[in-house]
Protein backbone atom coordinates (compact mmCIF):
# COMPACT_ATOMS: atom_id res chain seq x y z
CA MET A 1 1.18 34.30 49.84
CA GLY A 2 3.96 36.81 50.49
CA GLU A 3 6.77 36.32 52.89
CA GLN A 4 6.25 37.57 56.41
CA ARG A 5 8.57 40.29 57.60
CA LYS A 6 11.05 39.33 60.25
CA ARG A 7 10.80 41.35 63.43
CA TYR A 8 13.86 41.98 65.56
CA ASN A 9 13.82 43.14 69.15
CA GLU A 10 15.73 46.21 70.22
CA LYS A 11 18.42 44.19 71.99
CA PHE A 12 19.22 42.33 68.76
CA LYS A 13 19.38 45.61 66.85
CA ARG A 14 21.74 47.18 69.38
CA GLU A 15 23.94 44.09 69.44
CA ALA A 16 24.04 44.03 65.63
CA VAL A 17 25.13 47.69 65.56
CA LYS A 18 27.76 47.02 68.21
CA TYR A 19 28.98 44.05 66.16
CA ILE A 20 29.21 46.22 63.03
CA GLN A 21 31.24 48.82 64.90
CA GLN A 22 33.69 46.23 66.17
CA GLN A 23 34.28 44.52 62.83
CA THR A 24 36.35 45.49 59.82
CA LYS A 25 33.88 43.74 57.52
CA THR A 26 31.48 45.69 55.32
CA VAL A 27 27.85 46.14 56.23
CA VAL A 28 26.92 43.94 53.27
CA GLU A 29 29.10 41.09 54.58
CA ILE A 30 27.69 41.41 58.08
CA GLY A 31 24.18 41.58 56.66
CA GLU A 32 24.71 38.28 54.86
CA GLU A 33 26.17 36.80 58.03
CA LEU A 34 23.22 37.92 60.18
CA GLY A 35 20.52 37.40 57.54
CA VAL A 36 19.54 41.08 57.59
CA SER A 37 19.53 43.37 54.58
CA PRO A 38 22.24 46.05 54.44
CA GLY A 39 19.58 48.79 54.17
CA VAL A 40 18.04 47.68 57.45
CA LEU A 41 21.46 47.54 59.09
CA HIS A 42 22.21 51.09 57.91
CA SER A 43 18.95 52.33 59.43
CA TRP A 44 19.83 50.57 62.70
CA LEU A 45 23.27 52.21 62.58
CA ALA A 46 21.67 55.62 62.18
CA LYS A 47 19.45 54.98 65.19
CA TYR A 48 21.65 53.01 67.62
CA ARG A 49 25.23 53.97 66.74
CA GLU A 50 27.43 54.88 69.71
CA PHE A 51 30.67 56.46 68.57
CA GLY A 52 32.52 55.55 71.75
CA ASN A 53 32.27 51.88 70.79
CA GLU A 54 34.06 52.27 67.49
CA PRO A 55 37.64 51.13 67.13
CA VAL A 56 40.36 53.73 66.60
CA ASN A 57 41.05 52.68 63.00
CA HIS A 58 38.00 54.51 61.64
CA ALA A 59 39.05 57.70 59.87
CA GLU A 60 36.57 59.91 61.76
CA LYS A 61 37.76 58.60 65.11
CA VAL A 62 41.41 59.11 64.12
CA ARG A 63 40.69 62.70 63.06
CA GLU A 64 38.82 63.37 66.29
CA LEU A 65 41.68 61.97 68.38
CA GLU A 66 44.26 63.95 66.39
CA GLN A 67 42.26 67.14 66.96
CA ARG A 68 41.98 66.47 70.70
CA LEU A 69 45.71 65.75 70.83
CA ALA A 70 46.52 69.01 69.02
CA GLU A 71 44.29 70.94 71.44
CA GLN A 72 45.95 69.31 74.45
CA GLU A 73 49.42 70.01 73.04
CA LYS A 74 48.46 73.67 72.52
CA GLU A 75 47.16 73.85 76.09
CA LEU A 76 50.34 72.19 77.38
CA ARG A 77 52.56 74.70 75.52
CA ALA A 78 50.51 77.57 76.99
CA ARG A 79 50.92 76.14 80.49
CA GLU A 80 54.64 75.60 80.00
CA GLN A 81 54.97 79.23 78.84
CA ARG A 82 53.02 80.42 81.88
CA ILE A 83 55.28 78.37 84.18
CA ALA A 84 58.38 79.85 82.52
CA ASP A 85 56.96 83.37 82.96
CA VAL A 86 56.17 82.75 86.64
CA GLU A 87 59.64 81.28 87.23
CA GLU A 88 61.22 84.36 85.63
CA GLU A 89 59.06 86.65 87.79
CA LEU A 90 60.07 84.68 90.88
CA ALA A 91 63.76 85.01 90.01
CA ILE A 92 63.32 88.79 89.63
CA VAL A 93 61.50 89.02 92.97
CA LYS A 94 64.23 86.97 94.68
CA LYS A 95 66.91 89.30 93.30
CA ALA A 96 64.93 92.35 94.39
CA VAL A 97 64.45 90.94 97.89
CA HIS A 98 68.16 90.16 98.07
CA ILE A 99 69.14 93.65 96.91
CA PHE A 100 66.71 95.51 99.17
CA SER A 101 67.39 93.37 102.23
CA LYS A 102 71.09 94.30 102.37
CA PRO A 103 71.93 96.76 105.13
CA LYS A 104 72.76 100.28 103.93
CA ASN A 105 76.23 101.51 104.76
């Protein structure tokens, strides 16, 4: 008779996906380690993958973090420019107040 299929509960699947995301090993190596075929692991990854759990050394995560950093730097430069503009306006207002508050002779 044929071999019976192994059934895995959802907790095992989620833990396996989490383990894959934390390792630098290939899916094939982890599959051999866990006794699960790489094809099955890939399908579990597609279903249960949580990108927040992945280490920073994955290329997609690095690109995402670089993009967020660039956006934050752009926002910071815009804020710094706005602060400089407001400080310049304040200096002008202070000079105007000083000039117009002098008594006329």
